[in-house]
């Protein structure tokens, strides 16, 4: 799930700026956040796993985002792969993994200078790093290390023809686990 939002203030703005510096003026750069659909109960809203700057990796309800601010990107995860993806997500949540500010600073340095240096702190996550790391359990091989991916990188790799045009049709669509 890729989100176009500015709720994290300067972090959201710098993610979009860094994406524009790396990808140019591309539709992929509209995203400033990534999350992964965790479950879709028969009753009630879908839950997502996400890392936000305000704390640790956690579960949230998808409906906290306006449907016009996100796109669900289907990754065709099999039931067998989902077992591994969910095990990974549960272990990260159980470990109370925190948002990786140092990793984020390293990504900012990379975006601004083009350096090949990527700084990461063990036991931390960024939103897109969490999603990419989880989806490696499905067998996706990312062009960059998962911790160094951004929402724009996810979009560019999973939606090579570009993201969908902003829609009005999102209101009736249901999310599926592991989007």
Foldseek 3Di string as FASTA:
>chain_A
DFFQDCVQPPQQVLLLVLCCLVPNPALLSSTRFAWFFAACDPDDATKIWFADQVFFTDIDGPVVDDLLGDDAQDDPQDPVLSVQLNVLSVVLVVLRQHAWPQQSVQLSVCSVPVDPDGDGDPRHAHGQLSLVVSCVSSVDDFPDRSRNDGSSSVQCVRVVVHDDDRDPPRPPDGHHGTD
